[in-house]
C-alpha atoms as a PDB file:
ATOM      1  CA  GLN A   1      -5.643   7.688  35.537  1.00  0.00           C
ATOM      2  CA  ILE A   2      -6.874   6.638  31.949  1.00  0.00           C
ATOM      3  CA  PRO A   3     -10.400   8.771  31.607  1.00  0.00           C
ATOM      4  CA  SER A   4     -13.530   6.836  30.512  1.00  0.00           C
ATOM      5  CA  TRP A   5     -15.160   6.352  27.270  1.00  0.00           C
ATOM      6  CA  THR A   6     -18.243   5.045  25.633  1.00  0.00           C
ATOM      7  CA  PRO A   7     -18.387   4.787  22.003  1.00  0.00           C
ATOM      8  CA  PRO A   8     -21.414   7.340  20.756  1.00  0.00           C
ATOM      9  CA  SER A   9     -24.608   5.527  20.341  1.00  0.00           C
ATOM     10  CA  ARG A  10     -25.744   5.014  16.767  1.00  0.00           C
ATOM     11  CA  GLU A  11     -28.620   7.258  16.882  1.00  0.00           C
ATOM     12  CA  SER A  12     -26.481   9.611  18.004  1.00  0.00           C
ATOM     13  CA  SER A  13     -23.958   9.430  15.470  1.00  0.00           C
ATOM     14  CA  LYS A  14     -26.713   9.350  12.787  1.00  0.00           C
ATOM     15  CA  GLY A  15     -28.137  12.531  14.860  1.00  0.00           C
ATOM     16  CA  ARG A  16     -24.856  14.383  14.258  1.00  0.00           C
ATOM     17  CA  LEU A  17     -24.489  13.351  10.411  1.00  0.00           C
ATOM     18  CA  ARG A  18     -27.678  15.405   9.690  1.00  0.00           C
ATOM     19  CA  SER A  19     -27.203  18.009  11.691  1.00  0.00           C
ATOM     20  CA  GLU A  20     -23.201  18.911  11.407  1.00  0.00           C
ATOM     21  CA  GLU A  21     -21.819  20.180   8.085  1.00  0.00           C
ATOM     22  CA  PHE A  22     -18.369  18.145   7.284  1.00  0.00           C
ATOM     23  CA  ASP A  23     -15.640  18.901   4.786  1.00  0.00           C
ATOM     24  CA  VAL A  24     -15.245  15.155   3.526  1.00  0.00           C
ATOM     25  CA  LEU A  25     -17.282  12.159   3.869  1.00  0.00           C
ATOM     26  CA  VAL A  26     -15.292   8.969   3.926  1.00  0.00           C
ATOM     27  CA  ILE A  27     -17.912   5.610   2.663  1.00  0.00           C
ATOM     28  CA  GLY A  28     -15.957   2.628   3.951  1.00  0.00           C
ATOM     29  CA  GLY A  29     -13.911   1.912   7.584  1.00  0.00           C
ATOM     30  CA  GLY A  30     -11.230  -0.348   6.163  1.00  0.00           C
ATOM     31  CA  ALA A  31      -7.800  -0.018   5.808  1.00  0.00           C
ATOM     32  CA  THR A  32      -8.414   2.471   3.004  1.00  0.00           C
ATOM     33  CA  GLY A  33     -11.038   4.588   4.326  1.00  0.00           C
ATOM     34  CA  SER A  34      -9.502   5.028   7.912  1.00  0.00           C
ATOM     35  CA  GLY A  35      -6.116   6.099   6.044  1.00  0.00           C
ATOM     36  CA  VAL A  36      -7.884   8.526   4.037  1.00  0.00           C
ATOM     37  CA  ALA A  37     -10.082   9.910   6.762  1.00  0.00           C
ATOM     38  CA  LEU A  38      -6.884  10.121   9.015  1.00  0.00           C
ATOM     39  CA  ASP A  39      -5.097  11.694   6.411  1.00  0.00           C
ATOM     40  CA  ALA A  40      -8.144  14.499   6.040  1.00  0.00           C
ATOM     41  CA  SER A  41      -8.150  15.131   9.696  1.00  0.00           C
ATOM     42  CA  THR A  42      -4.607  15.334   9.801  1.00  0.00           C
ATOM     43  CA  ARG A  43      -5.028  18.343   7.372  1.00  0.00           C
ATOM     44  CA  GLY A  44      -7.532  20.231   9.453  1.00  0.00           C
ATOM     45  CA  LEU A  45     -10.842  18.997   7.537  1.00  0.00           C
ATOM     46  CA  LYS A  46     -13.605  17.894   9.202  1.00  0.00           C
ATOM     47  CA  VAL A  47     -14.096  14.105   8.664  1.00  0.00           C
ATOM     48  CA  ALA A  48     -17.295  11.666   8.771  1.00  0.00           C
ATOM     49  CA  MET A  49     -17.088   8.483   7.889  1.00  0.00           C
ATOM     50  CA  LEU A  50     -19.883   5.790   7.002  1.00  0.00           C
ATOM     51  CA  GLU A  51     -19.561   1.924   7.488  1.00  0.00           C
ATOM     52  CA  ARG A  52     -21.376  -0.567   6.772  1.00  0.00           C
ATOM     53  CA  ASP A  53     -20.321  -3.489   9.260  1.00  0.00           C
ATOM     54  CA  ASP A  54     -17.497  -3.290  11.463  1.00  0.00           C
ATOM     55  CA  PHE A  55     -14.380  -1.419  10.958  1.00  0.00           C
ATOM     56  CA  ALA A  56     -11.561  -3.171   9.081  1.00  0.00           C
ATOM     57  CA  SER A  57     -14.148  -5.552   7.801  1.00  0.00           C
ATOM     58  CA  GLY A  58     -14.022  -5.202   4.104  1.00  0.00           C
ATOM     59  CA  THR A  59     -12.197  -5.953   1.313  1.00  0.00           C
ATOM     60  CA  SER A  60      -9.095  -3.035   2.010  1.00  0.00           C
ATOM     61  CA  SER A  61      -8.568  -5.021   5.462  1.00  0.00           C
ATOM     62  CA  ARG A  62      -7.656  -8.062   3.455  1.00  0.00           C
ATOM     63  CA  SER A  63      -5.779  -6.488   0.411  1.00  0.00           C
ATOM     64  CA  THR A  64      -1.996  -5.512   0.341  1.00  0.00           C
ATOM     65  CA  LYS A  65      -0.961  -2.353   0.817  1.00  0.00           C
ATOM     66  CA  LEU A  66       2.531  -2.560   0.323  1.00  0.00           C
ATOM     67  CA  ILE A  67       4.473   0.270  -1.550  1.00  0.00           C
ATOM     68  CA  HIS A  68       7.100  -1.818  -3.438  1.00  0.00           C
ATOM     69  CA  GLY A  69       8.236   0.634  -5.977  1.00  0.00           C
ATOM     70  CA  GLY A  70       7.676  -2.221  -8.742  1.00  0.00           C
ATOM     71  CA  ILE A  71      10.665  -4.992  -8.177  1.00  0.00           C
ATOM     72  CA  ARG A  72       8.357  -7.573 -10.118  1.00  0.00           C
ATOM     73  CA  TYR A  73       8.569  -5.313 -13.470  1.00  0.00           C
ATOM     74  CA  LEU A  74      12.065  -4.824 -12.802  1.00  0.00           C
ATOM     75  CA  ALA A  75      12.935  -8.436 -12.724  1.00  0.00           C
ATOM     76  CA  GLN A  76      11.059  -8.225 -15.845  1.00  0.00           C
ATOM     77  CA  ALA A  77      12.323  -5.565 -17.473  1.00  0.00           C
ATOM     78  CA  PHE A  78      16.085  -7.173 -18.116  1.00  0.00           C
ATOM     79  CA  GLN A  79      14.734 -11.038 -18.076  1.00  0.00           C
ATOM     80  CA  SER A  80      12.712 -13.089 -20.734  1.00  0.00           C
ATOM     81  CA  LYS A  81      12.531 -15.763 -18.451  1.00  0.00           C
ATOM     82  CA  ILE A  82      11.466 -15.211 -14.707  1.00  0.00           C
ATOM     83  CA  PRO A  83      12.602 -16.825 -12.238  1.00  0.00           C
ATOM     84  CA  PRO A  84      16.015 -18.066 -13.561  1.00  0.00           C
ATOM     85  CA  GLN A  85      16.678 -21.710 -13.460  1.00  0.00           C
ATOM     86  CA  GLU A  86      20.297 -21.603 -13.473  1.00  0.00           C
ATOM     87  CA  LEU A  87      23.087 -19.092 -13.507  1.00  0.00           C
ATOM     88  CA  SER A  88      23.570 -19.366 -16.877  1.00  0.00           C
ATOM     89  CA  ASP A  89      19.936 -18.471 -17.859  1.00  0.00           C
ATOM     90  CA  VAL A  90      20.639 -15.140 -16.225  1.00  0.00           C
ATOM     91  CA  PHE A  91      22.679 -14.743 -18.786  1.00  0.00           C
ATOM     92  CA  LEU A  92      21.126 -16.454 -21.953  1.00  0.00           C
ATOM     93  CA  ASN A  93      17.586 -14.792 -21.151  1.00  0.00           C
ATOM     94  CA  PHE A  94      19.232 -11.287 -20.751  1.00  0.00           C
ATOM     95  CA  ARG A  95      16.985  -8.865 -22.493  1.00  0.00           C
ATOM     96  CA  TYR A  96      15.751  -4.851 -22.149  1.00  0.00           C
ATOM     97  CA  ASN A  97      12.458  -3.844 -21.974  1.00  0.00           C
ATOM     98  CA  HIS A  98      12.017  -0.516 -21.920  1.00  0.00           C
ATOM     99  CA  GLU A  99       7.688  -0.437 -21.252  1.00  0.00           C
ATOM    100  CA  TYR A 100       8.680  -2.343 -18.097  1.00  0.00           C
ATOM    101  CA  MET A 101      11.009   0.339 -17.055  1.00  0.00           C
ATOM    102  CA  LYS A 102       8.330   2.711 -17.659  1.00  0.00           C
ATOM    103  CA  ILE A 103       6.111   0.952 -15.376  1.00  0.00           C
ATOM    104  CA  VAL A 104       9.056   0.668 -12.476  1.00  0.00           C
ATOM    105  CA  GLN A 105       9.509   4.466 -12.808  1.00  0.00           C
ATOM    106  CA  ALA A 106       5.522   4.930 -12.600  1.00  0.00           C
ATOM    107  CA  ASP A 107       6.023   2.937  -9.638  1.00  0.00           C
ATOM    108  CA  MET A 108       9.011   4.763  -7.830  1.00  0.00           C
ATOM    109  CA  ALA A 109       7.291   7.985  -8.590  1.00  0.00           C
ATOM    110  CA  GLU A 110       4.109   7.404  -6.750  1.00  0.00           C
ATOM    111  CA  ARG A 111       6.434   5.543  -3.996  1.00  0.00           C
ATOM    112  CA  ALA A 112       8.386   8.607  -3.275  1.00  0.00           C
ATOM    113  CA  TYR A 113       4.937  10.579  -3.316  1.00  0.00           C
ATOM    114  CA  MET A 114       3.713   8.363  -0.825  1.00  0.00           C
ATOM    115  CA  ILE A 115       6.939   8.599   1.611  1.00  0.00           C
ATOM    116  CA  GLU A 116       7.008  12.510   1.455  1.00  0.00           C
ATOM    117  CA  SER A 117       3.437  13.412   1.356  1.00  0.00           C
ATOM    118  CA  ALA A 118       2.598  11.042   4.192  1.00  0.00           C
ATOM    119  CA  PRO A 119       5.402  10.009   6.106  1.00  0.00           C
ATOM    120  CA  PHE A 120       3.427   8.927   9.177  1.00  0.00           C
ATOM    121  CA  MET A 121       1.531   6.047   7.033  1.00  0.00           C
ATOM    122  CA  THR A 122       4.355   4.539   5.562  1.00  0.00           C
ATOM    123  CA  HIS A 123       7.847   3.277   6.849  1.00  0.00           C
ATOM    124  CA  PRO A 124       9.992   0.381   5.880  1.00  0.00           C
ATOM    125  CA  ILE A 125       9.766  -3.394   6.898  1.00  0.00           C
ATOM    126  CA  PRO A 126      11.694  -6.151   6.681  1.00  0.00           C
ATOM    127  CA  MET A 127      10.770  -8.776   4.452  1.00  0.00           C
ATOM    128  CA  MET A 128      11.818 -12.493   3.927  1.00  0.00           C
ATOM    129  CA  ILE A 129      11.815 -13.689   0.412  1.00  0.00           C
ATOM    130  CA  PRO A 130      12.182 -17.437   0.000  1.00  0.00           C
ATOM    131  CA  LEU A 131      14.768 -18.929  -2.376  1.00  0.00           C
ATOM    132  CA  TYR A 132      14.476 -22.014  -3.916  1.00  0.00           C
ATOM    133  CA  LYS A 133      17.269 -21.993  -6.494  1.00  0.00           C
ATOM    134  CA  CYS A 134      19.395 -20.120  -4.239  1.00  0.00           C
ATOM    135  CA  CYS A 135      22.551 -19.730  -6.354  1.00  0.00           C
ATOM    136  CA  ALA A 136      20.995 -17.791  -9.816  1.00  0.00           C
ATOM    137  CA  THR A 137      18.501 -15.816  -7.815  1.00  0.00           C
ATOM    138  CA  VAL A 138      21.206 -14.292  -5.532  1.00  0.00           C
ATOM    139  CA  ALA A 139      23.803 -13.693  -8.438  1.00  0.00           C
ATOM    140  CA  LEU A 140      20.668 -11.858 -10.299  1.00  0.00           C
ATOM    141  CA  TYR A 141      19.679  -9.834  -7.339  1.00  0.00           C
ATOM    142  CA  ASN A 142      23.421  -9.023  -5.368  1.00  0.00           C
ATOM    143  CA  ALA A 143      24.904  -7.905  -8.765  1.00  0.00           C
END
């Protein structure tokens, strides 16, 4: 049997905020704030969260949280024309830009840190990328 539960009233929550001491106060109960609260609580910290409206109603609930590793910058590091229109563009527009590679390296380091430090919050998801000029794009990314 599932135990009965009712959320605390607003007044009782405000009373606890006034009377108790918390290690972390998270302002905003969107995707980012909820993730911060979850991470802090799993580390044994006592967490309070304030939300103006309903949970997950703010901007972070509508923004992407993909940890992609800078794939766009990887393409720009080797091509001066993105996307290539023909297979010949891959070769004709080849160039190396180290500044873009530094961005990719930083993104990959951040991605690795997230995967190692919060494996319960990061996991691979399958993605489908539409290809409109398949011969050039597939040749570029399958090489």
